[in-house]
């Protein structure tokens, strides 16, 4: 996992209690390939613009209505006629993206692609996955029962205080805005033991969904990174650890395949984002980013970082137009050859987050901007050195990475939007940037700087009703 922002966290592996390697096995399913086919149009889609309730939940439709967003052709499901045509040619359809009008097909026989490419509704194709010969067997750790007996501190927020206070979020919580009623979708690589730890740390998990083929019904026995990300927002234990959005609801989505690093993970990410949209999520946190893939021919180039070339970035750039805010990690490449942000941090209309130490100095590992078209990147910054997280083994530890700066800030976005439910996704993003302490002089290290969330709240005070208790 050398290039996924979610996994590259300095000094972390010795503390995680993450996985124990148990040798190698043949890759499940043997040798196979996955191709991304781009389709020409959506003729034959089972959905219509007149009946969006057939493919979007009531919560998703209410979010659109509240922000005066119309249903358009991007929302329509893929053409059932075309999908059936691919199946009739012997292709195994395993997924796709309606926003990008692409479909994923799995095959063990690559000669089938010659036939598929000649179909009139197939515009182009690219191989996005080749099964490795073998993979490492990894077994998740058990919960450390002794670690659950955390000692209380004199501060209500316990070990989460510093990361909340850097964003001046305490006063928003005191005003009664702690994320209640907001649905945050977390896109990550796995949530080891999060279901069990939820009882101790009071995570309000309302659902989980796997977007990585072959789809798994249980994301709780996979990578622990998502558990740590979740904990920065969802933890809710007085005087031990309170996160930045302890009253929000959380939907846990998996798009990262920890067994290899391949282009198909962009497709999985898009599937996860579209699923989050369909069920009505308000905000997405994604502590994932991509630059170099196992097949170097598919690796991302700087000239691709324009927010629309890479499939994952196109999907990310679509989110605000659907009424959602994406908060994502900028990347941890600052001390490496690449140095720059990953994708989808290059997307338009999102909040990509840099990592800082507790004295507000930038972390040397935090990735740099700008995007290739000259936009300020990263967008904002938050604590990402020595961040407080809960490991997959249940222990409260300190961890480093933009992977944690992102959800820390994401939780505050949820609280802010709870206080201002009439604002659109675009308006929330703009307000957060303008509240940055470097807004008047942004750069490509800090972006617009550290947002003061209480400043935003105070500026809107006359229009904000107090929440019902």
Protein backbone atom coordinates (compact mmCIF):
# COMPACT_ATOMS: atom_id res chain seq x y z
CA UNK A 1 0.00 0.00 0.00
CA UNK A 2 2.86 2.34 -0.72
CA UNK A 3 0.89 5.15 -2.33
CA UNK A 4 -2.51 5.18 -0.66
CA UNK A 5 -2.71 8.15 1.66
CA UNK A 6 -4.90 6.14 3.99
CA UNK A 7 -2.09 3.73 4.80
CA UNK A 8 1.03 5.90 4.65
CA UNK A 9 1.14 7.29 8.20
CA UNK A 10 4.47 7.91 9.79
CA UNK A 11 5.55 6.05 12.92
CA UNK A 12 2.16 4.33 12.98
CA UNK A 13 2.56 0.66 12.25
CA UNK A 14 4.34 -0.11 15.50
CA UNK A 15 1.33 1.23 17.42
CA UNK A 16 -1.67 0.05 15.48
CA UNK A 17 -2.24 -3.52 16.46
CA UNK A 18 -3.40 -3.69 12.86
CA UNK A 19 -2.73 -7.03 11.20
CA UNK A 20 -0.38 -9.94 11.68
CA UNK A 21 1.15 -11.34 8.50
CA UNK A 22 0.67 -15.10 8.14
CA UNK A 23 2.55 -15.93 4.93
CA UNK A 24 1.29 -15.81 1.37
CA UNK A 25 -1.48 -17.59 -0.52
CA UNK A 26 -2.62 -17.73 -4.12
CA UNK A 27 -4.71 -14.68 -5.02
CA UNK A 28 -8.42 -15.50 -4.46
CA UNK A 29 -10.16 -16.33 -7.71
CA UNK A 30 -6.97 -17.14 -9.58
CA UNK A 31 -5.74 -15.11 -12.54
CA UNK A 32 -8.33 -12.67 -13.86
CA UNK A 33 -8.61 -9.13 -15.20
CA UNK A 34 -10.97 -6.21 -14.76
CA UNK A 35 -11.62 -3.70 -17.53
CA UNK A 36 -13.33 -0.30 -17.41
CA UNK A 37 -15.60 0.27 -20.41
CA UNK A 38 -16.80 3.78 -21.19
CA UNK A 39 -20.28 3.78 -22.68
CA UNK A 40 -21.63 6.18 -25.28
CA UNK A 41 -24.91 7.14 -23.57
CA UNK A 42 -27.64 5.90 -21.24
CA UNK A 43 -30.28 4.81 -23.70
CA UNK A 44 -32.20 1.97 -22.10
CA UNK A 45 -31.61 3.13 -18.52
CA UNK A 46 -34.21 1.67 -16.15
CA UNK A 47 -34.54 5.09 -14.49
CA UNK A 48 -36.26 8.27 -15.63
CA UNK A 49 -35.90 11.90 -14.58
CA UNK A 50 -39.59 11.95 -13.66
CA UNK A 51 -39.26 9.17 -11.07
CA UNK A 52 -35.97 9.64 -9.21
CA UNK A 53 -37.44 7.86 -6.19
CA UNK A 54 -36.71 4.63 -8.08
CA UNK A 55 -32.94 5.10 -7.66
CA UNK A 56 -32.47 7.79 -4.98
CA UNK A 57 -33.65 7.54 -1.38
CA UNK A 58 -36.10 9.98 0.14
CA UNK A 59 -33.27 11.42 2.22
CA UNK A 60 -31.20 12.02 -0.92
CA UNK A 61 -34.13 13.71 -2.65
CA UNK A 62 -34.79 15.96 0.36
CA UNK A 63 -31.13 17.00 0.37
CA UNK A 64 -31.43 17.95 -3.29
CA UNK A 65 -34.72 19.77 -2.71
CA UNK A 66 -33.29 21.75 0.21
CA UNK A 67 -30.45 22.98 -2.02
CA UNK A 68 -32.64 23.50 -5.11
CA UNK A 69 -30.77 20.85 -7.11
CA UNK A 70 -32.52 19.27 -10.08
CA UNK A 71 -32.21 15.62 -11.06
CA UNK A 72 -30.25 15.30 -14.31
CA UNK A 73 -28.85 12.67 -16.65
CA UNK A 74 -25.83 12.01 -14.41
CA UNK A 75 -28.21 10.58 -11.82
CA UNK A 76 -29.75 8.05 -14.18
CA UNK A 77 -28.62 4.43 -13.75
CA UNK A 78 -26.50 2.81 -16.44
CA UNK A 79 -28.31 1.41 -19.47
CA UNK A 80 -29.79 -1.99 -18.68
CA UNK A 81 -29.85 -2.73 -22.41
CA UNK A 82 -26.10 -2.18 -22.72
CA UNK A 83 -25.30 -4.13 -19.56
CA UNK A 84 -27.34 -7.09 -20.80
CA UNK A 85 -25.58 -6.81 -24.16
CA UNK A 86 -22.20 -7.09 -22.44
CA UNK A 87 -23.38 -10.13 -20.50
CA UNK A 88 -24.63 -11.74 -23.70
CA UNK A 89 -21.10 -11.39 -25.09
CA UNK A 90 -19.76 -13.35 -22.12
CA UNK A 91 -18.66 -10.45 -19.89
CA UNK A 92 -19.16 -10.59 -16.14
CA UNK A 93 -20.44 -7.16 -15.11
CA UNK A 94 -19.25 -6.43 -11.55
CA UNK A 95 -19.90 -2.71 -11.12
CA UNK A 96 -19.80 0.72 -12.68
CA UNK A 97 -20.23 4.45 -12.27
CA UNK A 98 -23.35 6.26 -13.43
CA UNK A 99 -21.70 9.68 -13.07
CA UNK A 100 -18.88 8.62 -15.40
CA UNK A 101 -21.07 6.28 -17.51
CA UNK A 102 -18.55 3.48 -17.10
CA UNK A 103 -18.92 -0.21 -16.36
CA UNK A 104 -16.52 -2.74 -14.83
CA UNK A 105 -16.27 -6.20 -16.37
CA UNK A 106 -14.29 -9.13 -15.03
CA UNK A 107 -12.85 -11.83 -17.27
CA UNK A 108 -10.29 -14.60 -17.28
CA UNK A 109 -10.23 -14.59 -21.06
CA UNK A 110 -8.77 -11.35 -22.40
CA UNK A 111 -9.70 -12.24 -25.98
CA UNK A 112 -13.28 -11.28 -25.13
CA UNK A 113 -12.23 -7.63 -25.14
CA UNK A 114 -11.80 -7.63 -28.93
CA UNK A 115 -15.53 -8.35 -29.26
CA UNK A 116 -16.58 -5.91 -26.55
CA UNK A 117 -14.66 -3.03 -28.11
CA UNK A 118 -16.58 -3.45 -31.37
CA UNK A 119 -19.97 -3.00 -29.71
CA UNK A 120 -21.60 0.24 -30.89
CA UNK A 121 -22.23 1.50 -27.35
CA UNK A 122 -18.68 0.92 -26.09
CA UNK A 123 -16.67 4.12 -26.53
CA UNK A 124 -13.35 2.99 -25.03
CA UNK A 125 -11.79 0.49 -22.66
CA UNK A 126 -8.83 0.24 -20.31
CA UNK A 127 -7.53 -2.55 -18.12
CA UNK A 128 -7.78 -1.43 -14.50
CA UNK A 129 -6.87 -4.63 -12.62
CA UNK A 130 -4.66 -7.68 -13.08
CA UNK A 131 -4.82 -10.28 -10.33
CA UNK A 132 -1.43 -10.80 -8.66
CA UNK A 133 -0.05 -14.31 -8.44
CA UNK A 134 -0.22 -14.26 -4.65
CA UNK A 135 -1.17 -12.09 -1.71
CA UNK A 136 -0.20 -11.88 1.95
CA UNK A 137 -2.53 -13.49 4.45
CA UNK A 138 -3.37 -10.93 7.10
CA UNK A 139 -5.30 -11.69 10.27
CA UNK A 140 -6.93 -8.92 12.31
CA UNK A 141 -5.97 -8.43 15.93
CA UNK A 142 -8.38 -9.03 18.76
CA UNK A 143 -9.53 -6.11 20.86
CA UNK A 144 -7.17 -5.37 23.73
CA UNK A 145 -9.59 -5.46 26.65
CA UNK A 146 -7.09 -3.76 28.93
CA UNK A 147 -6.79 -0.85 26.51
CA UNK A 148 -10.50 -0.10 26.90
CA UNK A 149 -10.02 0.99 30.51
CA UNK A 150 -8.84 4.48 29.58
CA UNK A 151 -8.12 6.96 32.35
CA UNK A 152 -10.26 10.08 32.43
CA UNK A 153 -8.74 13.56 32.22
CA UNK A 154 -9.80 16.90 33.66
CA UNK A 155 -10.99 18.09 30.24
CA UNK A 156 -14.40 17.00 28.98
CA UNK A 157 -12.85 16.21 25.58
CA UNK A 158 -10.05 14.14 27.07
CA UNK A 159 -7.34 13.39 24.54
CA UNK A 160 -9.41 14.86 21.71
CA UNK A 161 -9.23 18.42 23.04
CA UNK A 162 -6.24 19.70 21.10
CA UNK A 163 -7.51 18.73 17.66
CA UNK A 164 -10.92 20.25 18.34
CA UNK A 165 -9.50 23.45 19.80
CA UNK A 166 -7.16 24.06 16.86
CA UNK A 167 -10.33 24.58 14.78
CA UNK A 168 -12.04 26.56 17.57
CA UNK A 169 -14.80 23.96 17.62
CA UNK A 170 -15.51 23.77 21.33
CA UNK A 171 -17.86 26.75 21.29
CA UNK A 172 -19.88 25.25 18.45
CA UNK A 173 -20.37 22.11 20.53
CA UNK A 174 -21.29 24.22 23.56
CA UNK A 175 -23.91 25.96 21.44
CA UNK A 176 -25.51 22.56 20.90
CA UNK A 177 -24.16 21.70 17.46
CA UNK A 178 -22.35 18.34 17.64
CA UNK A 179 -23.41 16.89 14.29
CA UNK A 180 -26.84 15.57 15.21
CA UNK A 181 -28.94 14.76 12.17
CA UNK A 182 -25.96 14.79 9.82
CA UNK A 183 -24.99 11.62 7.94
CA UNK A 184 -21.25 11.31 7.29
CA UNK A 185 -20.11 8.64 4.84
CA UNK A 186 -16.56 7.44 5.47
CA UNK A 187 -14.76 5.95 2.45
CA UNK A 188 -11.76 3.88 3.50
CA UNK A 189 -10.10 0.48 3.34
CA UNK A 190 -11.71 -1.31 6.28
CA UNK A 191 -13.00 -0.78 9.80
CA UNK A 192 -11.45 -3.44 11.96
CA UNK A 193 -13.54 -4.09 15.08
CA UNK A 194 -15.42 -0.79 14.69
CA UNK A 195 -18.72 -2.57 15.34
CA UNK A 196 -17.46 -3.94 18.64
CA UNK A 197 -15.66 -0.76 19.63
CA UNK A 198 -18.83 1.24 18.92
CA UNK A 199 -20.29 0.02 22.22
CA UNK A 200 -17.34 1.36 24.20
CA UNK A 201 -16.61 4.57 22.30
CA UNK A 202 -20.26 5.21 21.35
CA UNK A 203 -19.74 5.36 17.59
CA UNK A 204 -23.13 5.97 15.96
CA UNK A 205 -22.73 3.60 13.00
CA UNK A 206 -25.93 3.30 10.94
CA UNK A 207 -24.70 1.14 8.06
CA UNK A 208 -21.81 -0.36 6.10
CA UNK A 209 -21.27 -1.29 2.47
CA UNK A 210 -18.42 -2.83 0.50
CA UNK A 211 -17.57 -1.46 -2.95
CA UNK A 212 -14.52 -3.68 -3.61
CA UNK A 213 -15.01 -6.80 -5.73
CA UNK A 214 -15.58 -9.54 -4.60
CA UNK A 215 -17.97 -7.71 -2.29
CA UNK A 216 -17.74 -8.62 1.38
CA UNK A 217 -20.67 -8.41 3.79
CA UNK A 218 -18.35 -7.57 6.68
CA UNK A 219 -16.02 -4.57 6.55
CA UNK A 220 -15.22 -4.96 10.25
CA UNK A 221 -12.55 -7.64 9.81
CA UNK A 222 -10.50 -5.66 7.30
CA UNK A 223 -7.91 -2.87 7.61
CA UNK A 224 -7.93 -0.82 10.82
CA UNK A 225 -7.28 2.51 9.15
CA UNK A 226 -10.95 3.31 8.75
CA UNK A 227 -11.53 2.66 12.45
CA UNK A 228 -8.90 5.23 13.33
CA UNK A 229 -10.36 7.75 10.87
CA UNK A 230 -13.88 7.18 12.22
CA UNK A 231 -12.76 7.60 15.82
CA UNK A 232 -11.51 11.16 15.32
CA UNK A 233 -15.10 12.22 14.58
CA UNK A 234 -17.37 9.70 16.27
CA UNK A 235 -15.78 8.99 19.68
CA UNK A 236 -18.03 10.14 22.49
CA UNK A 237 -16.69 9.26 25.94
CA UNK A 238 -16.61 12.16 28.40
CA UNK A 239 -13.18 13.03 29.77
CA UNK A 240 -11.58 10.23 27.72
CA UNK A 241 -12.04 11.06 24.03
CA UNK A 242 -14.71 13.12 22.33
CA UNK A 243 -14.40 13.57 18.57
CA UNK A 244 -15.32 16.52 16.42
CA UNK A 245 -18.83 15.27 15.51
CA UNK A 246 -19.88 12.88 18.30
CA UNK A 247 -23.62 13.11 17.60
CA UNK A 248 -23.47 12.56 13.83
CA UNK A 249 -24.45 9.29 12.16
CA UNK A 250 -21.86 7.31 10.21
CA UNK A 251 -22.05 5.16 7.10
CA UNK A 252 -18.92 3.05 6.58
CA UNK A 253 -17.95 2.37 2.97
CA UNK A 254 -14.98 0.39 1.66
CA UNK A 255 -13.31 1.28 -1.63
CA UNK A 256 -9.65 0.49 -0.94
CA UNK A 257 -8.34 -3.01 -1.72
CA UNK A 258 -5.43 -3.58 0.65
CA UNK A 259 -4.04 -6.48 -1.40
CA UNK A 260 -2.69 -4.40 -4.28
CA UNK A 261 -2.57 -0.84 -5.64
CA UNK A 262 -4.39 -0.69 -8.97
CA UNK A 263 -6.42 1.72 -11.06
CA UNK A 264 -9.68 -0.10 -10.34
CA UNK A 265 -9.68 1.46 -6.89
CA UNK A 266 -10.67 4.73 -8.54
CA UNK A 267 -13.76 2.94 -9.86
CA UNK A 268 -14.48 1.47 -6.44
CA UNK A 269 -14.20 4.96 -4.92
CA UNK A 270 -16.69 6.34 -7.44
CA UNK A 271 -19.08 3.50 -6.61
CA UNK A 272 -18.78 4.36 -2.92
CA UNK A 273 -19.41 8.07 -3.53
CA UNK A 274 -22.46 7.32 -5.64
CA UNK A 275 -23.78 4.93 -3.01
CA UNK A 276 -23.34 7.65 -0.37
CA UNK A 277 -25.31 10.02 -2.57
CA UNK A 278 -28.10 7.52 -3.19
CA UNK A 279 -28.76 6.85 0.51
CA UNK A 280 -28.69 10.54 1.43
CA UNK A 281 -25.29 11.21 3.00
CA UNK A 282 -24.56 14.88 3.63
CA UNK A 283 -20.77 14.73 3.88
CA UNK A 284 -18.06 12.31 2.78
CA UNK A 285 -14.69 11.90 4.43
CA UNK A 286 -12.10 10.15 2.29
CA UNK A 287 -8.62 9.58 3.70
CA UNK A 288 -7.49 7.93 0.49
CA UNK A 289 -5.37 9.26 -2.32
CA UNK A 290 -3.69 7.80 -5.41
CA UNK A 291 -0.55 8.61 -7.37
CA UNK A 292 1.48 5.51 -8.33
CA UNK A 293 -0.07 2.15 -9.21
CA UNK A 294 1.48 -1.32 -9.46
CA UNK A 295 1.15 -1.02 -13.23
CA UNK A 296 3.21 2.11 -13.80
CA UNK A 297 1.56 2.63 -17.17
CA UNK A 298 -1.60 3.63 -15.31
CA UNK A 299 0.09 5.82 -12.69
CA UNK A 300 -1.06 9.40 -12.31
CA UNK A 301 1.02 12.20 -13.83
CA UNK A 302 1.10 15.77 -12.61
CA UNK A 303 -0.52 16.91 -15.85
CA UNK A 304 -3.49 14.70 -14.97
CA UNK A 305 -4.21 16.60 -11.75
CA UNK A 306 -6.74 19.03 -13.17
CA UNK A 307 -9.76 17.75 -11.24
CA UNK A 308 -11.31 16.10 -14.28
CA UNK A 309 -8.83 13.75 -15.98
CA UNK A 310 -8.76 10.94 -13.41
CA UNK A 311 -12.05 9.10 -12.91
CA UNK A 312 -11.82 9.45 -9.13
CA UNK A 313 -11.34 13.21 -9.40
CA UNK A 314 -14.26 13.58 -11.82
CA UNK A 315 -16.46 11.77 -9.33
CA UNK A 316 -15.19 13.94 -6.48
CA UNK A 317 -15.78 17.11 -8.52
CA UNK A 318 -19.41 16.00 -9.01
CA UNK A 319 -20.28 15.74 -5.31
CA UNK A 320 -21.06 19.38 -4.55
CA UNK A 321 -23.41 19.52 -7.53
CA UNK A 322 -25.33 16.64 -5.90
CA UNK A 323 -25.48 18.60 -2.61
CA UNK A 324 -22.67 16.88 -0.68
CA UNK A 325 -19.40 18.14 0.78
CA UNK A 326 -16.28 16.05 0.30
CA UNK A 327 -13.46 16.41 2.83
CA UNK A 328 -10.35 14.48 1.82
CA UNK A 329 -6.72 14.09 2.80
CA UNK A 330 -4.16 16.01 0.77
CA UNK A 331 -1.57 13.22 0.91
CA UNK A 332 1.61 12.27 2.74
CA UNK A 333 4.12 12.65 -0.09
CA UNK A 334 5.83 15.86 1.02
CA UNK A 335 9.12 14.14 1.89
CA UNK A 336 9.03 11.78 -1.10
CA UNK A 337 9.93 12.15 -4.75
CA UNK A 338 6.33 12.89 -5.77
CA UNK A 339 5.79 15.60 -3.08
CA UNK A 340 2.42 16.67 -4.46
CA UNK A 341 -1.18 16.00 -3.55
CA UNK A 342 -2.85 12.78 -4.64
CA UNK A 343 -6.15 12.26 -6.44
CA UNK A 344 -8.93 13.11 -5.66
CA UNK A 345 -7.42 16.03 -3.68
CA UNK A 346 -7.11 17.84 -7.03
CA UNK A 347 -10.90 17.90 -7.49
CA UNK A 348 -13.03 21.02 -7.75
CA UNK A 349 -15.45 22.15 -5.01
CA UNK A 350 -14.05 20.02 -2.18
CA UNK A 351 -11.99 20.54 0.97
CA UNK A 352 -8.60 18.83 0.75
CA UNK A 353 -6.77 18.97 4.07
CA UNK A 354 -3.08 19.42 4.94
CA UNK A 355 -1.53 18.16 8.20
CA UNK A 356 -0.12 20.39 10.95
CA UNK A 357 1.63 19.82 14.27
CA UNK A 358 0.07 21.12 17.48
CA UNK A 359 1.99 24.42 17.14
CA UNK A 360 0.34 24.96 13.73
CA UNK A 361 3.54 24.25 11.81
CA UNK A 362 3.10 22.26 8.63
CA UNK A 363 4.06 18.58 8.75
CA UNK A 364 6.96 17.93 6.41
CA UNK A 365 5.21 14.85 5.04
CA UNK A 366 2.06 16.80 4.10
CA UNK A 367 1.61 16.92 0.32
CA UNK A 368 1.92 20.12 -1.64
CA UNK A 369 -0.02 21.86 -4.39
CA UNK A 370 -0.98 23.45 -6.63
CA UNK A 371 -3.16 21.51 -9.05
CA UNK A 372 -1.81 21.49 -12.61
CA UNK A 373 -4.26 24.27 -13.57
CA UNK A 374 -2.96 26.51 -10.79
CA UNK A 375 -5.69 26.22 -8.15
CA UNK A 376 -4.66 26.53 -4.49
CA UNK A 377 -4.14 23.08 -3.05
CA UNK A 378 -4.46 21.83 -0.39
CA UNK A 379 -7.54 23.86 0.56
CA UNK A 380 -7.29 24.01 4.36
CA UNK A 381 -5.31 22.51 7.25
CA UNK A 382 -5.85 20.74 10.59
CA UNK A 383 -3.93 18.70 13.16
CA UNK A 384 -2.25 15.69 11.58
CA UNK A 385 0.82 15.16 13.76
CA UNK A 386 0.14 13.26 16.97
CA UNK A 387 -3.60 13.14 16.28
CA UNK A 388 -5.65 11.18 18.80
CA UNK A 389 -7.26 8.06 17.32
CA UNK A 390 -8.63 4.70 18.40
CA UNK A 391 -6.76 1.75 16.90
CA UNK A 392 -8.38 -1.42 15.61
CA UNK A 393 -7.35 -3.08 18.86
CA UNK A 394 -9.30 -0.48 20.83
CA UNK A 395 -6.37 1.50 22.18
CA UNK A 396 -6.26 5.30 22.15
CA UNK A 397 -3.00 6.24 20.44
CA UNK A 398 -1.38 9.15 18.63
CA UNK A 399 -0.99 8.91 14.86
CA UNK A 400 0.41 11.03 12.05
CA UNK A 401 -0.99 11.72 8.60
CA UNK A 402 -3.28 13.88 6.53
CA UNK A 403 -5.52 10.83 6.85
CA UNK A 404 -6.47 12.15 10.29
CA UNK A 405 -6.35 15.88 9.63
CA UNK A 406 -9.16 15.27 7.12
CA UNK A 407 -11.75 13.61 9.41
CA UNK A 408 -10.92 15.96 12.29
CA UNK A 409 -11.94 18.84 10.05
CA UNK A 410 -14.78 16.86 8.47
CA UNK A 411 -16.48 16.48 11.84
CA UNK A 412 -16.49 20.24 12.31
CA UNK A 413 -18.00 20.69 8.85
CA UNK A 414 -20.88 18.46 9.99
CA UNK A 415 -21.43 20.56 13.11
CA UNK A 416 -21.35 23.76 11.08
CA UNK A 417 -23.86 22.44 8.56
CA UNK A 418 -26.13 21.29 11.37
CA UNK A 419 -26.13 24.90 12.58
CA UNK A 420 -26.80 26.23 9.06
CA UNK A 421 -29.04 23.67 7.34
CA UNK A 422 -30.20 26.19 4.74
CA UNK A 423 -26.71 26.50 3.24
CA UNK A 424 -25.72 24.64 0.10
CA UNK A 425 -22.67 22.42 -0.19
CA UNK A 426 -20.96 25.14 -2.24
CA UNK A 427 -21.68 27.73 0.43
CA UNK A 428 -20.34 25.54 3.24
CA UNK A 429 -17.12 24.87 1.33
CA UNK A 430 -16.69 28.58 0.61
CA UNK A 431 -17.33 29.58 4.22
CA UNK A 432 -14.76 27.14 5.55
CA UNK A 433 -12.10 28.40 3.17
CA UNK A 434 -12.85 32.04 3.99
CA UNK A 435 -12.51 31.29 7.70
CA UNK A 436 -8.94 30.08 7.17
CA UNK A 437 -6.23 32.10 8.89
CA UNK A 438 -4.37 32.45 5.57
CA UNK A 439 -7.36 33.29 3.40
CA UNK A 440 -5.86 36.64 2.39
CA UNK A 441 -2.53 35.05 1.48
CA UNK A 442 -3.04 31.36 0.59
CA UNK A 443 -0.19 29.13 -0.48
CA UNK A 444 0.35 25.56 -1.61
CA UNK A 445 1.49 24.26 1.77
CA UNK A 446 -1.30 25.40 4.12
CA UNK A 447 -3.88 26.32 1.49
CA UNK A 448 -6.22 28.86 3.05
CA UNK A 449 -4.99 27.79 6.45
CA UNK A 450 -6.71 26.73 9.66
CA UNK A 451 -10.46 27.51 9.63
CA UNK A 452 -11.95 29.14 12.72
CA UNK A 453 -15.33 27.42 12.89
CA UNK A 454 -16.60 29.56 15.74
CA UNK A 455 -15.86 32.63 13.65
CA UNK A 456 -18.22 31.28 10.99
CA UNK A 457 -20.86 30.56 13.62
CA UNK A 458 -20.60 34.03 15.12
CA UNK A 459 -20.82 35.70 11.73
CA UNK A 460 -24.15 33.95 11.13
CA UNK A 461 -25.44 34.13 14.71
CA UNK A 462 -28.62 36.11 13.99
CA UNK A 463 -29.81 33.50 11.50
CA UNK A 464 -29.01 30.35 13.47
CA UNK A 465 -31.79 28.78 15.61
CA UNK A 466 -30.76 26.91 18.73
CA UNK A 467 -30.99 23.12 18.30
CA UNK A 468 -33.68 21.13 20.03
CA UNK A 469 -32.30 19.16 22.96
